[in-house]
């Protein structure tokens, strides 16, 4: 799963990416700093995995991860090739979801490509370019499907009617996501405005509360997520040792840093949940699966042969393990269940899969 980080040039995207991934992408005070998309693998922080590691004491702890892609700044006119637009829009098509970084803070020493800070205007610039790019795609596809529909075949006509609906929505300034179409209906087209969005408001340590509230309200009204943070401050925290980070979180009363919250929100954005495998001899590990995944499909995340050879799964919940203290105690209380092929794996399940060799 991949999440693309987008926004106007110079709003803190590359700084955020660096802090998330510790990948060292260039981050400077001028537009178009990022030319090629930077890609980083980011482990998903989960206190439950830490607790399992503490309880089982295996040699290894492995966290599930999400791939983040830092895509260069989009400017007004990108859909017509302005700036480095066409190349960047093509990169966004490949991701599963979008993090849209928006500048909230005022600082005359930090260049803004529009020469002023107005987060809602900035959001509309990006969204308009994405819609214009989608409209170009929809127009081409609509012409092609119109030819197919002349056959009179039911599926061909339905596909053409659906694309006309998409085209009309985009012409009226509405994103594809506003139509409520199923993912399966859109999978062949990679529409940019069909992707789930998380808005990240980049504020200063002296918060611009008014701008933060504007973006939070906009996100809520448009069915998107929102996280506010100071990217520069979070980049500093990312340099802390694990002990320093724990002390900082304890002092501030938080479970996760702002960056960690973004990673976890990214997981929600993609409609994913986490299950665990745990043992004393090898490792404890978290695995990402789509919500609604069956036990064989979850097993297949470990190895494709596990899905094919699935027999059953011994399952218990993380919460029960913490409550009773050991797998032995769970067995004594009848809390380890044997589940078959139709079982839907839930967030927080700990699973041991039995498969044919």
Protein backbone atom coordinates (compact mmCIF):
# COMPACT_ATOMS: atom_id res chain seq x y z
CA UNK A 1 0.00 0.00 0.00
CA UNK A 2 1.31 3.45 -0.94
CA UNK A 3 0.36 6.93 0.25
CA UNK A 4 1.43 9.95 -1.79
CA UNK A 5 2.33 13.23 -0.05
CA UNK A 6 1.20 16.24 -2.12
CA UNK A 7 0.76 19.97 -1.72
CA UNK A 8 1.89 23.28 -3.14
CA UNK A 9 5.65 23.77 -3.38
CA UNK A 10 7.42 24.70 -0.16
CA UNK A 11 4.66 23.85 2.36
CA UNK A 12 6.72 21.29 4.32
CA UNK A 13 6.13 18.12 2.31
CA UNK A 14 9.74 17.01 2.04
CA UNK A 15 10.46 17.94 5.65
CA UNK A 16 7.47 15.81 6.68
CA UNK A 17 8.63 12.96 4.45
CA UNK A 18 12.15 13.13 5.91
CA UNK A 19 10.81 13.05 9.44
CA UNK A 20 8.48 10.13 8.64
CA UNK A 21 11.09 8.05 6.87
CA UNK A 22 14.47 9.41 8.03
CA UNK A 23 15.28 9.11 4.32
CA UNK A 24 17.08 12.42 3.92
CA UNK A 25 15.10 13.81 0.98
CA UNK A 26 16.28 17.28 0.03
CA UNK A 27 14.24 19.97 1.80
CA UNK A 28 14.91 23.60 0.94
CA UNK A 29 13.22 26.98 1.00
CA UNK A 30 12.37 27.15 -2.69
CA UNK A 31 9.79 25.55 -5.03
CA UNK A 32 10.37 22.32 -6.97
CA UNK A 33 12.99 21.04 -4.55
CA UNK A 34 11.69 17.49 -5.15
CA UNK A 35 11.94 16.43 -8.79
CA UNK A 36 11.74 12.65 -8.60
CA UNK A 37 9.33 11.17 -6.05
CA UNK A 38 11.11 9.99 -2.94
CA UNK A 39 9.91 6.66 -1.58
CA UNK A 40 10.22 5.51 2.03
CA UNK A 41 9.06 2.51 4.03
CA UNK A 42 7.59 3.55 7.38
CA UNK A 43 6.87 1.05 10.19
CA UNK A 44 3.46 1.52 11.82
CA UNK A 45 3.86 2.29 15.52
CA UNK A 46 1.63 0.12 17.70
CA UNK A 47 1.83 -0.04 21.48
CA UNK A 48 0.22 -3.50 21.34
CA UNK A 49 3.21 -4.87 19.41
CA UNK A 50 5.54 -3.38 22.03
CA UNK A 51 3.52 -5.10 24.76
CA UNK A 52 3.65 -8.46 22.96
CA UNK A 53 7.42 -8.11 22.65
CA UNK A 54 7.61 -7.41 26.37
CA UNK A 55 5.45 -10.45 27.22
CA UNK A 56 6.94 -13.05 24.85
CA UNK A 57 10.56 -11.80 24.91
CA UNK A 58 11.49 -13.21 21.47
CA UNK A 59 14.72 -12.30 19.64
CA UNK A 60 12.91 -10.04 17.17
CA UNK A 61 10.07 -7.54 16.81
CA UNK A 62 8.81 -6.66 13.31
CA UNK A 63 6.24 -3.95 12.62
CA UNK A 64 3.95 -3.77 9.59
CA UNK A 65 4.70 -0.86 7.29
CA UNK A 66 3.22 1.60 4.81
CA UNK A 67 5.07 3.03 1.81
CA UNK A 68 5.12 6.84 1.56
CA UNK A 69 5.90 8.71 -1.67
CA UNK A 70 6.96 12.38 -1.57
CA UNK A 71 5.64 13.90 -4.80
CA UNK A 72 6.95 17.28 -5.93
CA UNK A 73 4.89 20.42 -5.38
CA UNK A 74 1.91 20.93 -7.66
CA UNK A 75 1.18 24.47 -8.88
CA UNK A 76 -1.77 26.17 -10.55
CA UNK A 77 -1.84 24.93 -14.14
CA UNK A 78 -0.18 21.59 -13.35
CA UNK A 79 -2.88 19.71 -15.27
CA UNK A 80 -1.76 21.67 -18.36
CA UNK A 81 1.89 20.95 -17.64
CA UNK A 82 2.78 24.06 -15.58
CA UNK A 83 5.75 23.71 -13.24
CA UNK A 84 6.60 20.04 -13.49
CA UNK A 85 2.93 19.13 -13.45
CA UNK A 86 2.23 16.28 -15.82
CA UNK A 87 5.02 14.11 -14.46
CA UNK A 88 3.90 14.66 -10.87
CA UNK A 89 0.24 13.98 -11.61
CA UNK A 90 1.27 10.69 -13.21
CA UNK A 91 3.13 9.75 -10.00
CA UNK A 92 0.03 10.41 -7.88
CA UNK A 93 -2.06 8.03 -10.01
CA UNK A 94 -0.02 5.09 -8.70
CA UNK A 95 -0.74 5.64 -4.98
CA UNK A 96 -3.66 4.26 -2.96
CA UNK A 97 -4.34 7.38 -0.88
CA UNK A 98 -3.18 10.99 -0.57
CA UNK A 99 -1.77 13.06 2.27
CA UNK A 100 -2.31 16.71 1.36
CA UNK A 101 0.04 19.02 3.29
CA UNK A 102 -1.31 22.53 3.83
CA UNK A 103 0.62 25.45 5.30
CA UNK A 104 -1.16 27.12 8.20
CA UNK A 105 1.53 29.42 9.63
CA UNK A 106 2.56 32.95 8.67
CA UNK A 107 6.32 33.57 8.29
CA UNK A 108 7.73 36.20 5.94
CA UNK A 109 11.07 34.38 5.96
CA UNK A 110 9.55 31.25 4.39
CA UNK A 111 8.56 31.67 0.74
CA UNK A 112 4.98 30.91 -0.30
CA UNK A 113 4.45 30.21 -3.99
CA UNK A 114 1.24 32.30 -3.93
CA UNK A 115 2.90 35.09 -1.89
CA UNK A 116 0.36 34.79 0.95
CA UNK A 117 -0.99 32.15 3.33
CA UNK A 118 -4.57 31.06 2.67
CA UNK A 119 -5.03 27.34 3.37
CA UNK A 120 -8.49 26.95 1.79
CA UNK A 121 -7.33 28.69 -1.39
CA UNK A 122 -4.27 26.42 -1.46
CA UNK A 123 -6.42 23.31 -1.04
CA UNK A 124 -8.70 24.43 -3.88
CA UNK A 125 -5.69 24.99 -6.18
CA UNK A 126 -4.50 21.42 -5.69
CA UNK A 127 -7.99 19.93 -5.86
CA UNK A 128 -8.81 21.88 -9.02
CA UNK A 129 -5.68 20.58 -10.74
CA UNK A 130 -6.53 17.03 -9.73
CA UNK A 131 -10.10 17.43 -11.01
CA UNK A 132 -8.92 18.92 -14.30
CA UNK A 133 -6.54 15.99 -14.77
CA UNK A 134 -9.41 13.58 -13.99
CA UNK A 135 -11.70 15.44 -16.40
CA UNK A 136 -9.18 14.94 -19.19
CA UNK A 137 -9.09 11.22 -18.39
CA UNK A 138 -12.89 10.96 -18.15
CA UNK A 139 -13.38 12.75 -21.48
CA UNK A 140 -11.06 10.35 -23.30
CA UNK A 141 -12.59 7.29 -21.64
CA UNK A 142 -16.12 8.55 -22.32
CA UNK A 143 -15.39 8.85 -26.05
CA UNK A 144 -14.02 5.32 -26.13
CA UNK A 145 -16.94 3.86 -24.15
CA UNK A 146 -19.45 5.65 -26.38
CA UNK A 147 -18.16 3.58 -29.29
CA UNK A 148 -18.46 0.38 -27.25
CA UNK A 149 -22.01 1.30 -26.19
CA UNK A 150 -23.16 1.31 -29.81
CA UNK A 151 -23.07 -2.48 -29.61
CA UNK A 152 -26.11 -2.24 -27.34
CA UNK A 153 -24.58 -4.64 -24.83
CA UNK A 154 -25.90 -3.99 -21.32
CA UNK A 155 -22.47 -3.82 -19.62
CA UNK A 156 -21.04 -1.49 -22.27
CA UNK A 157 -24.00 0.89 -22.02
CA UNK A 158 -23.82 0.88 -18.19
CA UNK A 159 -20.09 1.68 -18.27
CA UNK A 160 -20.70 4.57 -20.67
CA UNK A 161 -23.54 5.98 -18.54
CA UNK A 162 -21.38 5.77 -15.42
CA UNK A 163 -18.50 7.58 -17.14
CA UNK A 164 -20.85 10.32 -18.36
CA UNK A 165 -21.94 10.79 -14.73
CA UNK A 166 -18.30 11.05 -13.63
CA UNK A 167 -17.50 13.54 -16.40
CA UNK A 168 -20.52 15.70 -15.51
CA UNK A 169 -19.54 15.79 -11.83
CA UNK A 170 -15.98 16.88 -12.67
CA UNK A 171 -17.27 19.56 -15.05
CA UNK A 172 -19.32 20.90 -12.12
CA UNK A 173 -16.29 21.01 -9.83
CA UNK A 174 -17.12 17.87 -7.85
CA UNK A 175 -14.52 15.16 -7.16
CA UNK A 176 -15.14 11.57 -8.23
CA UNK A 177 -15.33 10.57 -4.55
CA UNK A 178 -18.51 12.66 -4.16
CA UNK A 179 -20.44 10.18 -6.35
CA UNK A 180 -20.19 7.33 -3.85
CA UNK A 181 -19.19 4.77 -6.48
CA UNK A 182 -17.74 1.42 -5.46
CA UNK A 183 -13.98 0.97 -5.66
CA UNK A 184 -14.52 -1.94 -8.04
CA UNK A 185 -16.32 0.36 -10.50
CA UNK A 186 -13.32 2.73 -10.66
CA UNK A 187 -10.37 0.34 -10.47
CA UNK A 188 -9.49 0.57 -14.19
CA UNK A 189 -9.19 4.37 -14.28
CA UNK A 190 -7.01 5.55 -11.36
CA UNK A 191 -8.95 8.78 -10.86
CA UNK A 192 -7.00 11.13 -8.60
CA UNK A 193 -10.07 12.60 -6.88
CA UNK A 194 -11.44 9.15 -6.05
CA UNK A 195 -8.59 8.49 -3.63
CA UNK A 196 -9.07 8.93 0.15
CA UNK A 197 -7.41 12.08 1.52
CA UNK A 198 -5.81 13.06 4.83
CA UNK A 199 -5.15 16.79 5.25
CA UNK A 200 -2.05 17.57 7.32
CA UNK A 201 -2.02 21.14 8.59
CA UNK A 202 1.57 22.35 9.01
CA UNK A 203 1.47 24.92 11.80
CA UNK A 204 4.20 26.73 13.74
CA UNK A 205 4.79 26.23 17.46
CA UNK A 206 2.82 29.46 17.88
CA UNK A 207 -0.36 27.97 16.43
CA UNK A 208 -2.50 29.76 13.89
CA UNK A 209 -5.73 28.45 15.42
CA UNK A 210 -8.03 30.10 12.90
CA UNK A 211 -6.35 28.47 9.90
CA UNK A 212 -6.27 25.09 11.67
CA UNK A 213 -10.01 25.27 12.33
CA UNK A 214 -10.71 26.21 8.70
CA UNK A 215 -8.90 23.13 7.37
CA UNK A 216 -10.36 20.83 10.05
CA UNK A 217 -13.88 21.95 9.11
CA UNK A 218 -13.17 21.59 5.40
CA UNK A 219 -11.84 18.05 5.91
CA UNK A 220 -14.87 17.08 8.00
CA UNK A 221 -17.33 18.50 5.45
CA UNK A 222 -15.61 16.61 2.63
CA UNK A 223 -15.24 13.23 4.33
CA UNK A 224 -11.47 13.51 4.71
CA UNK A 225 -9.14 13.12 7.69
CA UNK A 226 -7.20 15.90 9.40
CA UNK A 227 -4.05 16.02 11.54
CA UNK A 228 -2.45 19.25 12.73
CA UNK A 229 1.22 19.44 13.68
CA UNK A 230 4.35 21.52 13.46
CA UNK A 231 6.41 19.66 10.86
CA UNK A 232 9.66 21.33 11.92
CA UNK A 233 9.10 20.38 15.57
CA UNK A 234 8.15 16.81 14.63
CA UNK A 235 11.31 16.55 12.52
CA UNK A 236 13.31 17.40 15.65
CA UNK A 237 11.45 14.77 17.71
CA UNK A 238 12.19 12.19 15.00
CA UNK A 239 15.88 12.58 15.89
CA UNK A 240 15.24 11.58 19.53
CA UNK A 241 16.39 8.23 20.84
CA UNK A 242 13.62 5.78 21.80
CA UNK A 243 14.15 6.58 25.47
CA UNK A 244 14.00 10.34 24.85
CA UNK A 245 10.84 9.87 22.77
CA UNK A 246 9.18 7.83 25.54
CA UNK A 247 10.07 10.50 28.10
CA UNK A 248 8.68 13.24 25.84
CA UNK A 249 5.40 11.39 25.27
CA UNK A 250 5.01 10.67 28.98
CA UNK A 251 5.63 14.32 29.77
CA UNK A 252 3.06 15.54 27.23
CA UNK A 253 0.49 12.83 28.02
CA UNK A 254 0.42 11.40 24.49
CA UNK A 255 0.64 7.80 23.29
CA UNK A 256 2.09 8.74 19.90
CA UNK A 257 4.02 11.62 18.34
CA UNK A 258 2.38 13.73 15.65
CA UNK A 259 4.25 11.80 12.96
CA UNK A 260 3.14 8.48 14.42
CA UNK A 261 -0.45 9.73 14.39
CA UNK A 262 -0.10 10.46 10.66
CA UNK A 263 1.11 6.91 10.01
CA UNK A 264 -1.77 5.46 12.01
CA UNK A 265 -4.27 7.76 10.27
CA UNK A 266 -2.79 6.59 6.97
CA UNK A 267 -3.69 3.06 7.96
CA UNK A 268 -7.29 4.11 8.65
CA UNK A 269 -7.34 6.01 5.35
CA UNK A 270 -6.61 2.77 3.52
CA UNK A 271 -9.26 0.89 5.58
CA UNK A 272 -6.68 -1.47 7.03
CA UNK A 273 -6.50 -3.24 10.37
CA UNK A 274 -3.77 -5.09 12.25
CA UNK A 275 -3.43 -8.65 13.44
CA UNK A 276 -0.44 -10.18 15.20
CA UNK A 277 1.62 -13.34 15.25
CA UNK A 278 3.57 -14.00 18.42
CA UNK A 279 5.95 -16.58 19.82
CA UNK A 280 8.93 -16.85 22.09
CA UNK A 281 11.32 -18.55 19.68
CA UNK A 282 11.29 -16.32 16.58
CA UNK A 283 9.48 -12.98 16.73
CA UNK A 284 6.37 -10.97 17.42
CA UNK A 285 5.02 -9.28 14.33
CA UNK A 286 2.16 -7.05 13.19
CA UNK A 287 0.47 -7.58 9.84
CA UNK A 288 -1.70 -5.18 7.85
CA UNK A 289 -4.82 -6.53 6.19
CA UNK A 290 -7.93 -4.95 4.63
CA UNK A 291 -10.88 -4.70 7.00
CA UNK A 292 -13.12 -7.71 6.32
CA UNK A 293 -10.24 -10.08 5.45
CA UNK A 294 -10.88 -13.81 5.97
CA UNK A 295 -8.50 -16.03 7.93
CA UNK A 296 -7.02 -17.70 4.79
CA UNK A 297 -6.46 -14.27 3.20
CA UNK A 298 -4.77 -13.02 6.37
CA UNK A 299 -2.56 -16.11 6.41
CA UNK A 300 -1.65 -15.38 2.80
CA UNK A 301 -0.04 -12.12 3.93
CA UNK A 302 2.63 -14.24 5.61
CA UNK A 303 3.12 -16.49 2.58
CA UNK A 304 0.91 -17.24 -0.41
CA UNK A 305 1.22 -20.98 0.34
CA UNK A 306 -0.44 -20.38 3.72
CA UNK A 307 -3.63 -19.21 2.00
CA UNK A 308 -3.68 -22.19 -0.33
CA UNK A 309 -2.94 -24.70 2.43
CA UNK A 310 -5.03 -23.11 5.19
CA UNK A 311 -6.66 -25.60 7.60
CA UNK A 312 -7.66 -23.50 10.61
CA UNK A 313 -6.44 -20.70 12.90
CA UNK A 314 -6.06 -20.57 16.66
CA UNK A 315 -7.16 -17.05 17.58
CA UNK A 316 -7.34 -14.93 20.71
CA UNK A 317 -7.53 -11.21 21.31
CA UNK A 318 -4.69 -8.98 22.43
CA UNK A 319 -6.91 -7.53 25.17
CA UNK A 320 -7.62 -10.99 26.61
CA UNK A 321 -3.90 -11.80 26.63
CA UNK A 322 -3.10 -8.65 28.57
CA UNK A 323 -5.98 -9.32 30.97
CA UNK A 324 -5.02 -12.93 31.75
CA UNK A 325 -1.25 -12.64 31.33
CA UNK A 326 -0.35 -15.72 29.25
CA UNK A 327 -1.52 -18.10 26.55
CA UNK A 328 -1.67 -20.84 29.19
CA UNK A 329 -4.21 -18.82 31.19
CA UNK A 330 -6.21 -18.14 28.04
CA UNK A 331 -6.45 -21.89 27.36
CA UNK A 332 -7.60 -22.52 30.90
CA UNK A 333 -10.39 -19.97 30.43
CA UNK A 334 -11.35 -21.30 26.98
CA UNK A 335 -10.40 -18.05 25.25
CA UNK A 336 -8.32 -19.49 22.42
CA UNK A 337 -10.73 -20.24 19.59
CA UNK A 338 -10.30 -22.54 16.61
CA UNK A 339 -11.56 -20.66 13.55
CA UNK A 340 -12.17 -21.88 9.99
CA UNK A 341 -12.02 -20.46 6.48
CA UNK A 342 -14.98 -18.10 6.87
CA UNK A 343 -13.66 -16.33 9.97
CA UNK A 344 -13.17 -12.57 9.52
CA UNK A 345 -9.92 -11.54 11.21
CA UNK A 346 -10.40 -8.53 13.48
CA UNK A 347 -8.12 -5.73 14.57
CA UNK A 348 -6.12 -6.89 17.57
CA UNK A 349 -6.44 -10.63 16.90
CA UNK A 350 -3.40 -12.79 17.65
CA UNK A 351 -3.33 -15.73 15.23
CA UNK A 352 -1.54 -19.05 14.88
CA UNK A 353 -2.28 -20.55 11.46
CA UNK A 354 -2.38 -24.31 10.85
CA UNK A 355 -1.62 -25.12 7.21
CA UNK A 356 -0.84 -28.09 4.99
CA UNK A 357 2.91 -28.35 4.36
